Amino acid sequence: MTTQTHPLDLAGRPVLLATDGSPAAQAATLFAAALAKRYDARIHVVTVVDTSPAPIPPPLDMALAMADAAGGQGVHERQLEALRRMISETTQQSCDWPARVKLGTPAHAIAKEAKRLGAVLVILGLRRHGMLDRAINDETVLGVIRSAACPVLGVTPHTAGLPQRIVAAVDFSSASLEAARAASAVAGDESSLVLTYVPPVMAYVPGDGEGVIHELGTQVGLERTTAELARPGLSVEHVVLPHELSHTVPKLLLDYAEDTHADLIAAGSARHSRLDRWMIGSVSTDLVRDGRRSVLIVPPRPVH
């Protein structure tokens, strides 16, 4: 049975750009502008005044949030003006994107704003974090990925425009197939997309019937998805990476992206508890934390 997935349609749809003014956020701003121009996406902007590091007692923190909700955008007019000016300077054009300033924890506030808008995509800057940073703070991109209902695109500071070479990690889950489709939806002109499959480590004897069936099914699935995604201006290929016991799946994907000079890695995500993430990690977490390439992560659809 074919897994039902939903292509990412950006035309006339809300896309949320979250910015903090960093170099990575400026690259994300340029990416958003390119999506608006190429695919007619409707960009909305949010910047979050982070109250979490401040020694604010819970009642005062709640009062600030209530004042933010009651006061409307007039309270933040200066911040909004500075935000629009920064976007205009980055994009070299007048900014007419709707913008909001929010108080709170960035990941939570961004995910909440995306839900309010019905955003089909969240874009924000992605930068590498050291071990100390990870121990003290939960990275914003990962926090948004874990709570947002739509795809999340982390853009590295050196990214210039829409991606030309994309690696999409495929394991035939609905989230991974949607990630491949989402990647094709944000690709630049004359770009390439490689569907990349890493087989699980299994004790198949060479030539064993179960192994042959698995390989045939994988090949058919890759060929079917390749044919579906190919379109004028986007070439689609597929590759199977041998699973090496000495390398994790994220390591294999990152090495392949490095070898092929890919500028975006797309993958599906599974919801894990904090204990699961600490004990076994996840592909999406490792791809994001590597931080050398822009990453597009698609969450699993909720089970109704």
Protein backbone atom coordinates (compact mmCIF):
# COMPACT_ATOMS: atom_id res chain seq x y z
CA MET A 1 0.00 0.00 0.00
CA THR A 2 1.34 3.43 -0.90
CA THR A 3 1.81 5.81 2.02
CA GLN A 4 -0.45 8.84 1.65
CA THR A 5 1.47 12.12 1.76
CA HIS A 6 0.69 15.75 1.08
CA PRO A 7 2.83 18.01 -1.12
CA LEU A 8 3.88 21.38 0.26
CA ASP A 9 2.04 24.15 -1.60
CA LEU A 10 3.47 27.61 -0.93
CA ALA A 11 1.46 29.69 -3.40
CA GLY A 12 -0.56 32.23 -1.46
CA ARG A 13 0.05 30.34 1.80
CA PRO A 14 1.46 31.81 5.05
CA VAL A 15 5.13 31.12 5.77
CA LEU A 16 6.51 32.25 9.13
CA LEU A 17 9.98 33.79 9.28
CA ALA A 18 11.39 33.95 12.82
CA THR A 19 14.32 36.33 13.18
CA ASP A 20 16.64 37.55 15.91
CA GLY A 21 18.86 39.69 13.69
CA SER A 22 21.77 37.22 13.68
CA PRO A 23 23.74 36.41 10.49
CA ALA A 24 21.86 33.10 10.27
CA ALA A 25 18.54 34.94 10.60
CA GLN A 26 19.59 37.33 7.84
CA ALA A 27 20.28 34.34 5.59
CA ALA A 28 16.84 32.99 6.55
CA THR A 29 15.33 36.36 5.60
CA LEU A 30 16.91 36.19 2.15
CA PHE A 31 15.64 32.62 1.79
CA ALA A 32 12.11 33.77 2.68
CA ALA A 33 12.32 36.61 0.17
CA ALA A 34 13.39 34.14 -2.52
CA LEU A 35 10.44 31.87 -1.68
CA ALA A 36 8.06 34.83 -1.93
CA LYS A 37 9.46 35.75 -5.33
CA ARG A 38 9.79 32.24 -6.77
CA TYR A 39 6.72 30.52 -5.29
CA ASP A 40 4.44 33.41 -4.23
CA ALA A 41 4.65 32.48 -0.55
CA ARG A 42 3.08 34.97 1.88
CA ILE A 43 5.76 35.82 4.42
CA HIS A 44 4.90 36.74 8.02
CA VAL A 45 7.60 37.73 10.50
CA VAL A 46 7.96 37.20 14.23
CA THR A 47 10.74 38.19 16.61
CA VAL A 48 10.71 37.00 20.20
CA VAL A 49 11.92 38.92 23.23
CA ASP A 50 13.30 36.03 25.25
CA THR A 51 12.19 36.27 28.88
CA SER A 52 13.45 32.81 29.89
CA PRO A 53 17.05 33.75 30.88
CA ALA A 54 15.89 36.77 32.91
CA PRO A 55 15.37 36.29 36.67
CA ILE A 56 11.68 37.16 36.41
CA PRO A 57 9.38 35.68 39.07
CA PRO A 58 6.56 33.58 37.55
CA PRO A 59 3.78 36.09 38.45
CA LEU A 60 5.69 38.95 36.77
CA ASP A 61 6.47 36.77 33.75
CA MET A 62 2.74 36.03 33.46
CA ALA A 63 1.92 39.73 33.85
CA LEU A 64 4.31 40.61 31.01
CA ALA A 65 2.65 38.04 28.77
CA MET A 66 -0.80 39.41 29.64
CA ALA A 67 0.36 42.98 28.96
CA ASP A 68 1.79 41.82 25.64
CA ALA A 69 -1.57 40.29 24.68
CA ALA A 70 -3.65 43.23 25.94
CA GLY A 71 -1.45 46.04 24.66
CA GLY A 72 -1.39 44.89 21.06
CA GLN A 73 1.35 45.81 18.62
CA GLY A 74 1.35 49.46 19.68
CA VAL A 75 3.48 48.50 22.69
CA HIS A 76 6.19 47.22 20.35
CA GLU A 77 6.05 49.87 17.63
CA ARG A 78 9.71 50.81 17.97
CA GLN A 79 10.82 47.19 17.85
CA LEU A 80 8.60 46.60 14.81
CA GLU A 81 10.04 49.62 13.03
CA ALA A 82 13.57 48.41 13.73
CA LEU A 83 12.58 44.93 12.55
CA ARG A 84 11.16 46.20 9.26
CA ARG A 85 14.22 48.38 8.72
CA MET A 86 16.52 45.40 9.30
CA ILE A 87 14.55 43.25 6.84
CA SER A 88 14.59 46.03 4.22
CA GLU A 89 18.35 46.44 4.60
CA THR A 90 18.85 42.67 4.29
CA THR A 91 16.62 42.19 1.26
CA GLN A 92 17.40 45.57 -0.34
CA GLN A 93 13.71 46.26 -0.83
CA SER A 94 10.84 47.80 1.11
CA CYS A 95 9.34 45.43 3.67
CA ASP A 96 5.57 45.04 3.65
CA TRP A 97 5.51 41.67 5.42
CA PRO A 98 3.18 41.51 8.45
CA ALA A 99 5.33 41.44 11.59
CA ARG A 100 4.82 40.78 15.31
CA VAL A 101 6.95 41.05 18.45
CA LYS A 102 6.29 38.43 21.11
CA LEU A 103 7.47 37.84 24.67
CA GLY A 104 8.40 34.43 26.01
CA THR A 105 10.52 31.40 25.24
CA PRO A 106 11.50 31.60 21.53
CA ALA A 107 10.69 28.01 20.51
CA HIS A 108 7.30 28.04 22.21
CA ALA A 109 6.39 31.52 20.95
CA ILE A 110 7.40 30.69 17.37
CA ALA A 111 5.44 27.43 17.32
CA LYS A 112 2.42 29.20 18.81
CA GLU A 113 2.59 31.96 16.18
CA ALA A 114 2.90 29.37 13.40
CA LYS A 115 -0.24 27.66 14.69
CA ARG A 116 -2.11 30.98 14.89
CA LEU A 117 -1.24 31.77 11.28
CA GLY A 118 -1.84 28.27 9.97
CA ALA A 119 1.68 28.47 8.55
CA VAL A 120 2.75 25.78 6.10
CA LEU A 121 6.44 26.37 6.83
CA VAL A 122 8.60 27.98 9.52
CA ILE A 123 11.97 29.48 8.53
CA LEU A 124 14.64 30.51 11.01
CA GLY A 125 18.39 30.80 11.27
CA LEU A 126 20.51 27.76 12.14
CA ARG A 127 23.91 28.00 13.79
CA ARG A 128 26.18 25.45 15.40
CA HIS A 129 26.13 25.03 19.17
CA GLY A 130 28.92 23.81 21.40
CA MET A 131 28.40 21.17 24.06
CA LEU A 132 28.13 23.82 26.79
CA ASP A 133 25.42 25.65 24.84
CA ARG A 134 23.45 22.42 24.54
CA ALA A 135 23.78 21.69 28.25
CA ILE A 136 22.54 25.14 29.26
CA ASN A 137 20.00 25.91 26.56
CA ASP A 138 17.81 23.82 24.28
CA GLU A 139 18.51 25.06 20.76
CA THR A 140 15.64 27.08 19.30
CA VAL A 141 15.48 25.23 15.99
CA LEU A 142 15.15 21.86 17.74
CA GLY A 143 12.57 23.29 20.11
CA VAL A 144 10.45 24.50 17.19
CA ILE A 145 10.82 21.17 15.37
CA ARG A 146 9.61 19.29 18.44
CA SER A 147 6.48 21.40 18.86
CA ALA A 148 5.48 22.82 15.45
CA ALA A 149 2.87 21.07 13.33
CA CYS A 150 4.42 22.16 10.01
CA PRO A 151 7.83 21.70 8.35
CA VAL A 152 10.70 23.69 9.85
CA LEU A 153 13.60 25.03 7.77
CA GLY A 154 16.83 25.98 9.54
CA VAL A 155 19.04 28.20 7.35
CA THR A 156 22.80 28.45 7.91
CA PRO A 157 24.59 31.84 7.71
CA HIS A 158 26.43 31.03 4.47
CA THR A 159 23.27 30.03 2.57
CA ALA A 160 22.75 32.11 -0.55
CA GLY A 161 19.29 31.83 -2.10
CA LEU A 162 17.22 28.73 -2.70
CA PRO A 163 18.99 25.35 -2.61
CA GLN A 164 20.52 23.95 -5.78
CA ARG A 165 21.65 20.56 -4.46
CA ILE A 166 19.42 18.75 -1.98
CA VAL A 167 19.81 15.46 -0.13
CA ALA A 168 16.50 14.01 1.11
CA ALA A 169 16.76 11.19 3.64
CA VAL A 170 14.09 8.61 2.81
CA ASP A 171 13.02 5.63 4.91
CA PHE A 172 9.52 5.44 3.32
CA SER A 173 7.76 6.76 6.42
CA SER A 174 5.12 9.36 5.62
CA ALA A 175 7.24 12.08 7.29
CA SER A 176 10.31 11.25 5.19
CA LEU A 177 8.34 11.21 1.94
CA GLU A 178 6.73 14.53 2.85
CA ALA A 179 10.21 15.88 3.58
CA ALA A 180 11.28 14.95 0.04
CA ARG A 181 8.20 16.66 -1.38
CA ALA A 182 8.75 19.72 0.81
CA ALA A 183 12.36 19.89 -0.35
CA SER A 184 11.23 19.87 -3.97
CA ALA A 185 8.80 22.70 -3.14
CA VAL A 186 11.58 25.03 -1.95
CA ALA A 187 14.20 24.11 -4.57
CA GLY A 188 15.76 26.76 -6.75
CA ASP A 189 15.81 26.84 -10.54
CA GLU A 190 17.79 24.09 -12.29
CA SER A 191 18.36 22.21 -9.04
CA SER A 192 18.90 18.57 -8.14
CA LEU A 193 17.33 16.37 -5.47
CA VAL A 194 18.81 13.04 -4.40
CA LEU A 195 16.55 10.62 -2.51
CA THR A 196 18.95 8.94 -0.10
CA TYR A 197 18.13 5.64 1.59
CA VAL A 198 20.19 3.99 4.31
CA PRO A 199 19.03 0.38 4.81
CA PRO A 200 18.66 -0.91 8.36
CA VAL A 201 21.28 -3.24 9.74
CA MET A 202 19.72 -6.67 9.24
CA ALA A 203 21.07 -10.17 9.36
CA TYR A 204 20.13 -11.00 5.78
CA VAL A 205 22.29 -13.69 4.22
CA PRO A 206 23.52 -12.55 0.76
CA GLY A 207 21.00 -13.79 -1.78
CA ASP A 208 18.51 -14.66 0.96
CA GLY A 209 14.90 -14.41 -0.20
CA GLU A 210 13.86 -11.85 2.40
CA GLY A 211 16.87 -9.71 1.53
CA VAL A 212 16.04 -9.85 -2.19
CA ILE A 213 12.42 -8.87 -1.52
CA HIS A 214 13.57 -5.98 0.66
CA GLU A 215 15.98 -4.70 -2.01
CA LEU A 216 13.36 -4.99 -4.77
CA GLY A 217 10.76 -3.15 -2.69
CA THR A 218 13.23 -0.40 -1.84
CA GLN A 219 14.18 0.05 -5.49
CA VAL A 220 10.55 0.23 -6.62
CA GLY A 221 9.75 2.76 -3.90
CA LEU A 222 12.71 4.97 -4.81
CA GLU A 223 11.93 4.81 -8.53
CA ARG A 224 8.26 5.63 -7.94
CA THR A 225 9.07 8.65 -5.75
CA THR A 226 11.78 9.81 -8.17
CA ALA A 227 9.34 9.77 -11.08
CA GLU A 228 6.69 11.57 -9.03
CA LEU A 229 8.94 14.45 -7.96
CA ALA A 230 10.78 15.07 -11.22
CA ARG A 231 9.68 18.24 -13.02
CA PRO A 232 11.15 20.84 -15.37
CA GLY A 233 13.95 22.63 -13.54
CA LEU A 234 14.37 19.86 -10.93
CA SER A 235 16.31 16.67 -11.60
CA VAL A 236 15.62 13.83 -9.16
CA GLU A 237 17.89 10.85 -8.53
CA HIS A 238 18.14 8.19 -5.86
CA VAL A 239 20.95 6.39 -4.08
CA VAL A 240 21.28 3.66 -1.47
CA LEU A 241 24.08 4.23 1.03
CA PRO A 242 25.57 1.05 2.52
CA HIS A 243 25.02 0.99 6.27
CA GLU A 244 28.36 0.87 8.06
CA LEU A 245 28.35 -0.29 11.67
CA SER A 246 31.04 2.27 12.52
CA HIS A 247 28.87 5.17 11.30
CA THR A 248 25.47 6.38 12.41
CA VAL A 249 22.76 7.16 9.85
CA PRO A 250 23.17 10.94 10.36
CA LYS A 251 26.94 10.58 9.87
CA LEU A 252 26.41 8.71 6.59
CA LEU A 253 23.95 11.37 5.38
CA LEU A 254 26.22 14.25 6.41
CA ASP A 255 29.26 12.66 4.74
CA TYR A 256 27.28 12.12 1.54
CA ALA A 257 26.03 15.72 1.63
CA GLU A 258 29.62 16.87 2.09
CA ASP A 259 30.89 14.74 -0.81
CA THR A 260 28.16 15.95 -3.16
CA HIS A 261 28.32 19.60 -2.01
CA ALA A 262 24.65 19.61 -1.05
CA ASP A 263 23.35 22.83 0.47
CA LEU A 264 20.18 21.41 2.05
CA ILE A 265 19.36 18.16 3.86
CA ALA A 266 15.70 17.19 4.24
CA ALA A 267 14.41 14.54 6.60
CA GLY A 268 11.32 13.41 8.45
CA SER A 269 11.18 13.50 12.23
CA ALA A 270 9.71 11.16 14.82
CA ARG A 271 8.38 12.48 18.11
CA HIS A 272 10.59 11.30 20.96
CA SER A 273 10.42 11.87 24.68
CA ARG A 274 13.31 13.75 26.31
CA LEU A 275 14.59 10.43 27.69
CA ASP A 276 14.47 8.85 24.21
CA ARG A 277 16.40 11.77 22.73
CA TRP A 278 19.02 11.53 25.49
CA MET A 279 19.45 7.77 25.21
CA ILE A 280 19.21 7.10 21.47
CA GLY A 281 19.16 10.51 19.85
CA SER A 282 17.46 11.02 16.51
CA VAL A 283 18.43 11.62 12.90
CA SER A 284 16.83 15.07 12.78
CA THR A 285 18.52 16.17 16.01
CA ASP A 286 21.97 15.16 14.78
CA LEU A 287 21.44 16.81 11.39
CA VAL A 288 20.38 20.07 13.04
CA ARG A 289 23.18 20.06 15.59
CA ASP A 290 25.82 19.47 12.94
CA GLY A 291 24.95 22.97 11.73
CA ARG A 292 27.03 23.03 8.55
CA ARG A 293 24.13 22.81 6.11
CA SER A 294 20.61 24.10 6.02
CA VAL A 295 18.11 21.50 7.23
CA LEU A 296 14.44 20.96 6.43
CA ILE A 297 12.61 18.78 8.93
CA VAL A 298 9.03 17.53 8.56
CA PRO A 299 7.21 16.33 11.69
CA PRO A 300 5.00 13.25 11.70
CA ARG A 301 1.32 13.87 11.17
CA PRO A 302 -0.79 13.39 14.28
CA VAL A 303 -2.70 10.15 14.53
CA HIS A 304 -6.46 10.78 14.79
